[in-house]
Amino acid sequence: MHKEKSPIAGSFMFIKSGVPELGDKIIHIEDWWDRISGKSWMFCVGNPAAMNYGIRSGLNGLPIDDEVVYGHINGLGFLVHISELDTVNVPEQP
């Protein structure tokens, strides 16, 4: 569990272009998923965002850890591994 708020919480970030389904989209980061949900994404049975991430993670070989943030893309909630975020091309804050 992350004890501290994510340093990118509140930021708008691009998802890397090579990320299937989500590439080049802008996500508004809320915080680490485990801080929001109180547990790892791996134990969030029935949660749509965690289930979607689990499938994406397995199909795309993402690390099986909790370096996962929750955010919104066009009003919908998504989990994204920090390795999927483009830390170089950060969009201007709206």
N, C-alpha and C. Protein backbone atom coordinates (compact mmCIF):
# COMPACT_ATOMS: atom_id res chain seq x y z
N MET A 1 0.84 -1.19 0.00
CA MET A 1 0.00 0.00 0.00
C MET A 1 0.88 1.25 0.00
N HIS A 2 0.47 2.19 -0.83
CA HIS A 2 1.16 3.48 -0.84
C HIS A 2 0.63 4.32 0.32
N LYS A 3 1.53 4.82 1.12
CA LYS A 3 1.14 5.63 2.27
C LYS A 3 0.98 7.10 1.89
N GLU A 4 1.75 7.53 0.90
CA GLU A 4 1.72 8.93 0.47
C GLU A 4 0.95 9.09 -0.83
N LYS A 5 0.36 10.24 -1.01
CA LYS A 5 -0.33 10.56 -2.25
C LYS A 5 0.66 10.50 -3.41
N SER A 6 0.18 10.08 -4.56
CA SER A 6 1.04 10.02 -5.75
C SER A 6 1.54 11.41 -6.11
N PRO A 7 2.81 11.52 -6.48
CA PRO A 7 3.33 12.84 -6.86
C PRO A 7 2.67 13.39 -8.13
N ILE A 8 1.99 12.54 -8.89
CA ILE A 8 1.32 13.02 -10.10
C ILE A 8 -0.20 13.15 -9.90
N ALA A 9 -0.68 12.97 -8.68
CA ALA A 9 -2.11 13.13 -8.40
C ALA A 9 -2.54 14.54 -8.79
N GLY A 10 -3.65 14.63 -9.48
CA GLY A 10 -4.17 15.91 -9.94
C GLY A 10 -3.65 16.33 -11.29
N SER A 11 -2.66 15.62 -11.82
CA SER A 11 -2.06 15.97 -13.11
C SER A 11 -2.85 15.38 -14.26
N PHE A 12 -2.72 16.04 -15.40
CA PHE A 12 -3.21 15.51 -16.66
C PHE A 12 -1.99 14.99 -17.39
N MET A 13 -2.03 13.75 -17.86
CA MET A 13 -0.87 13.16 -18.52
C MET A 13 -1.30 12.41 -19.77
N PHE A 14 -0.39 12.35 -20.74
CA PHE A 14 -0.62 11.52 -21.92
C PHE A 14 -0.28 10.08 -21.57
N ILE A 15 -1.04 9.17 -22.14
CA ILE A 15 -0.69 7.76 -22.10
C ILE A 15 0.17 7.51 -23.33
N LYS A 16 1.23 6.74 -23.17
CA LYS A 16 2.16 6.48 -24.26
C LYS A 16 1.43 5.98 -25.51
N SER A 17 1.92 6.37 -26.66
CA SER A 17 1.24 6.05 -27.91
C SER A 17 1.14 4.56 -28.19
N GLY A 18 2.05 3.75 -27.70
CA GLY A 18 2.03 2.32 -27.98
C GLY A 18 1.11 1.50 -27.10
N VAL A 19 0.42 2.13 -26.15
CA VAL A 19 -0.45 1.40 -25.23
C VAL A 19 -1.75 1.04 -25.94
N PRO A 20 -2.04 -0.26 -26.10
CA PRO A 20 -3.27 -0.67 -26.77
C PRO A 20 -4.52 -0.09 -26.10
N GLU A 21 -5.44 0.37 -26.90
CA GLU A 21 -6.73 0.92 -26.49
C GLU A 21 -6.65 2.32 -25.89
N LEU A 22 -5.58 2.65 -25.20
CA LEU A 22 -5.53 3.93 -24.49
C LEU A 22 -4.44 4.88 -24.99
N GLY A 23 -3.62 4.43 -25.93
CA GLY A 23 -2.49 5.23 -26.39
C GLY A 23 -2.89 6.61 -26.90
N ASP A 24 -2.09 7.61 -26.52
CA ASP A 24 -2.25 9.02 -26.93
C ASP A 24 -3.44 9.72 -26.28
N LYS A 25 -4.13 9.06 -25.39
CA LYS A 25 -5.24 9.72 -24.69
C LYS A 25 -4.68 10.46 -23.48
N ILE A 26 -5.44 11.43 -23.02
CA ILE A 26 -5.06 12.20 -21.83
C ILE A 26 -5.86 11.66 -20.65
N ILE A 27 -5.15 11.39 -19.56
CA ILE A 27 -5.79 10.90 -18.34
C ILE A 27 -5.57 11.91 -17.22
N HIS A 28 -6.62 12.16 -16.46
CA HIS A 28 -6.54 13.02 -15.28
C HIS A 28 -6.33 12.10 -14.08
N ILE A 29 -5.14 12.14 -13.51
CA ILE A 29 -4.76 11.22 -12.43
C ILE A 29 -5.39 11.65 -11.12
N GLU A 30 -6.05 10.69 -10.45
CA GLU A 30 -6.62 10.97 -9.13
C GLU A 30 -5.62 10.62 -8.02
N ASP A 31 -5.11 9.39 -8.02
CA ASP A 31 -4.14 8.96 -7.01
C ASP A 31 -3.78 7.50 -7.27
N TRP A 32 -2.92 6.96 -6.42
CA TRP A 32 -2.63 5.53 -6.48
C TRP A 32 -3.93 4.77 -6.27
N TRP A 33 -4.12 3.69 -7.02
CA TRP A 33 -5.34 2.91 -6.88
C TRP A 33 -5.48 2.32 -5.47
N ASP A 34 -4.40 1.82 -4.91
CA ASP A 34 -4.52 1.18 -3.59
C ASP A 34 -4.89 2.18 -2.50
N ARG A 35 -4.58 3.44 -2.68
CA ARG A 35 -5.00 4.46 -1.71
C ARG A 35 -6.49 4.77 -1.86
N ILE A 36 -6.97 4.74 -3.09
CA ILE A 36 -8.38 5.03 -3.35
C ILE A 36 -9.27 3.88 -2.90
N SER A 37 -8.88 2.66 -3.26
CA SER A 37 -9.73 1.50 -3.00
C SER A 37 -9.45 0.84 -1.65
N GLY A 38 -8.27 1.10 -1.10
CA GLY A 38 -7.90 0.46 0.16
C GLY A 38 -7.27 -0.91 -0.01
N LYS A 39 -7.08 -1.32 -1.28
CA LYS A 39 -6.46 -2.62 -1.55
C LYS A 39 -5.89 -2.64 -2.96
N SER A 40 -5.12 -3.67 -3.22
CA SER A 40 -4.51 -3.86 -4.53
C SER A 40 -5.59 -4.07 -5.60
N TRP A 41 -5.29 -3.67 -6.81
CA TRP A 41 -6.20 -3.92 -7.94
C TRP A 41 -6.45 -5.42 -8.11
N MET A 42 -5.48 -6.24 -7.69
CA MET A 42 -5.59 -7.70 -7.85
C MET A 42 -6.69 -8.31 -6.97
N PHE A 43 -7.15 -7.56 -5.96
CA PHE A 43 -8.15 -8.08 -5.04
C PHE A 43 -9.48 -7.33 -5.13
N CYS A 44 -9.64 -6.54 -6.18
CA CYS A 44 -10.88 -5.77 -6.36
C CYS A 44 -11.85 -6.53 -7.27
N VAL A 45 -12.31 -7.66 -6.78
CA VAL A 45 -13.21 -8.54 -7.52
C VAL A 45 -14.50 -7.79 -7.86
N GLY A 46 -14.86 -7.82 -9.13
CA GLY A 46 -16.10 -7.19 -9.58
C GLY A 46 -15.99 -5.72 -9.92
N ASN A 47 -14.85 -5.09 -9.64
CA ASN A 47 -14.69 -3.68 -9.97
C ASN A 47 -14.35 -3.57 -11.46
N PRO A 48 -15.16 -2.85 -12.24
CA PRO A 48 -14.94 -2.78 -13.68
C PRO A 48 -13.56 -2.23 -14.08
N ALA A 49 -13.09 -1.19 -13.41
CA ALA A 49 -11.79 -0.61 -13.76
C ALA A 49 -10.66 -1.59 -13.47
N ALA A 50 -10.76 -2.30 -12.34
CA ALA A 50 -9.72 -3.27 -11.97
C ALA A 50 -9.77 -4.48 -12.89
N MET A 51 -10.97 -4.91 -13.27
CA MET A 51 -11.10 -6.05 -14.18
C MET A 51 -10.54 -5.70 -15.55
N ASN A 52 -10.87 -4.51 -16.04
CA ASN A 52 -10.34 -4.06 -17.33
C ASN A 52 -8.82 -4.01 -17.29
N TYR A 53 -8.27 -3.46 -16.20
CA TYR A 53 -6.82 -3.37 -16.07
C TYR A 53 -6.20 -4.76 -16.01
N GLY A 54 -6.81 -5.67 -15.28
CA GLY A 54 -6.30 -7.04 -15.18
C GLY A 54 -6.19 -7.70 -16.55
N ILE A 55 -7.19 -7.51 -17.37
CA ILE A 55 -7.16 -8.07 -18.72
C ILE A 55 -6.06 -7.40 -19.54
N ARG A 56 -6.02 -6.06 -19.52
CA ARG A 56 -4.98 -5.33 -20.26
C ARG A 56 -3.60 -5.73 -19.78
N SER A 57 -3.45 -5.86 -18.47
CA SER A 57 -2.17 -6.22 -17.88
C SER A 57 -1.69 -7.57 -18.38
N GLY A 58 -2.59 -8.55 -18.37
CA GLY A 58 -2.22 -9.89 -18.82
C GLY A 58 -1.90 -9.94 -20.30
N LEU A 59 -2.69 -9.25 -21.11
CA LEU A 59 -2.49 -9.27 -22.56
C LEU A 59 -1.23 -8.52 -23.00
N ASN A 60 -0.86 -7.51 -22.22
CA ASN A 60 0.24 -6.64 -22.63
C ASN A 60 1.51 -6.80 -21.80
N GLY A 61 1.52 -7.77 -20.89
CA GLY A 61 2.73 -8.05 -20.12
C GLY A 61 3.15 -6.94 -19.17
N LEU A 62 2.17 -6.27 -18.58
CA LEU A 62 2.51 -5.22 -17.61
C LEU A 62 3.02 -5.85 -16.32
N PRO A 63 3.84 -5.12 -15.57
CA PRO A 63 4.35 -5.66 -14.30
C PRO A 63 3.18 -5.97 -13.35
N ILE A 64 3.33 -7.03 -12.60
CA ILE A 64 2.30 -7.39 -11.61
C ILE A 64 2.72 -6.80 -10.28
N ASP A 65 2.37 -5.53 -10.12
CA ASP A 65 2.67 -4.80 -8.89
C ASP A 65 1.58 -3.77 -8.67
N ASP A 66 1.76 -2.92 -7.70
CA ASP A 66 0.75 -1.91 -7.39
C ASP A 66 1.18 -0.50 -7.75
N GLU A 67 2.06 -0.38 -8.73
CA GLU A 67 2.45 0.94 -9.23
C GLU A 67 1.42 1.38 -10.26
N VAL A 68 0.18 1.44 -9.80
CA VAL A 68 -0.97 1.66 -10.65
C VAL A 68 -1.75 2.87 -10.13
N VAL A 69 -2.07 3.77 -11.05
CA VAL A 69 -2.84 4.95 -10.67
C VAL A 69 -4.24 4.84 -11.26
N TYR A 70 -5.16 5.57 -10.63
CA TYR A 70 -6.53 5.65 -11.11
C TYR A 70 -6.74 7.05 -11.65
N GLY A 71 -7.44 7.11 -12.78
CA GLY A 71 -7.74 8.42 -13.35
C GLY A 71 -8.91 8.33 -14.30
N HIS A 72 -9.23 9.48 -14.89
CA HIS A 72 -10.38 9.57 -15.78
C HIS A 72 -9.95 9.96 -17.19
N ILE A 73 -10.53 9.26 -18.15
CA ILE A 73 -10.37 9.59 -19.56
C ILE A 73 -11.77 9.82 -20.10
N ASN A 74 -12.03 11.05 -20.51
CA ASN A 74 -13.38 11.40 -21.01
C ASN A 74 -14.48 10.99 -20.03
N GLY A 75 -14.23 11.19 -18.75
CA GLY A 75 -15.24 10.93 -17.73
C GLY A 75 -15.32 9.49 -17.24
N LEU A 76 -14.58 8.57 -17.86
CA LEU A 76 -14.62 7.17 -17.44
C LEU A 76 -13.37 6.83 -16.64
N GLY A 77 -13.51 5.98 -15.62
CA GLY A 77 -12.40 5.62 -14.75
C GLY A 77 -11.56 4.48 -15.32
N PHE A 78 -10.24 4.66 -15.25
CA PHE A 78 -9.30 3.65 -15.73
C PHE A 78 -8.14 3.50 -14.76
N LEU A 79 -7.58 2.30 -14.72
CA LEU A 79 -6.33 2.05 -14.02
C LEU A 79 -5.23 2.00 -15.06
N VAL A 80 -4.12 2.63 -14.75
CA VAL A 80 -2.99 2.70 -15.67
C VAL A 80 -1.71 2.47 -14.88
N HIS A 81 -0.85 1.59 -15.38
CA HIS A 81 0.44 1.38 -14.74
C HIS A 81 1.32 2.59 -15.04
N ILE A 82 2.16 2.99 -14.09
CA ILE A 82 2.98 4.19 -14.30
C ILE A 82 3.91 4.06 -15.50
N SER A 83 4.25 2.83 -15.87
CA SER A 83 5.11 2.63 -17.04
C SER A 83 4.39 2.97 -18.35
N GLU A 84 3.06 3.11 -18.29
CA GLU A 84 2.28 3.44 -19.48
C GLU A 84 2.13 4.94 -19.68
N LEU A 85 2.59 5.73 -18.71
CA LEU A 85 2.43 7.18 -18.79
C LEU A 85 3.64 7.83 -19.46
N ASP A 86 3.34 8.81 -20.30
CA ASP A 86 4.38 9.57 -20.98
C ASP A 86 4.80 10.71 -20.06
N THR A 87 5.94 10.58 -19.43
CA THR A 87 6.40 11.59 -18.46
C THR A 87 7.15 12.73 -19.12
N VAL A 88 7.37 12.61 -20.44
CA VAL A 88 8.07 13.67 -21.17
C VAL A 88 7.08 14.67 -21.76
N ASN A 89 6.05 14.17 -22.43
CA ASN A 89 5.07 15.03 -23.09
C ASN A 89 3.84 15.21 -22.22
N VAL A 90 3.95 16.04 -21.21
CA VAL A 90 2.84 16.30 -20.30
C VAL A 90 2.02 17.47 -20.86
N PRO A 91 0.71 17.26 -21.04
CA PRO A 91 -0.11 18.34 -21.60
C PRO A 91 -0.27 19.49 -20.62
N GLU A 92 -0.62 20.65 -21.18
CA GLU A 92 -0.91 21.80 -20.32
C GLU A 92 -2.16 21.50 -19.52
N GLN A 93 -2.21 22.01 -18.32
CA GLN A 93 -3.38 21.80 -17.46
C GLN A 93 -4.53 22.66 -17.98
N PRO A 94 -5.72 22.05 -18.16
CA PRO A 94 -6.88 22.84 -18.63
C PRO A 94 -7.39 23.79 -17.57
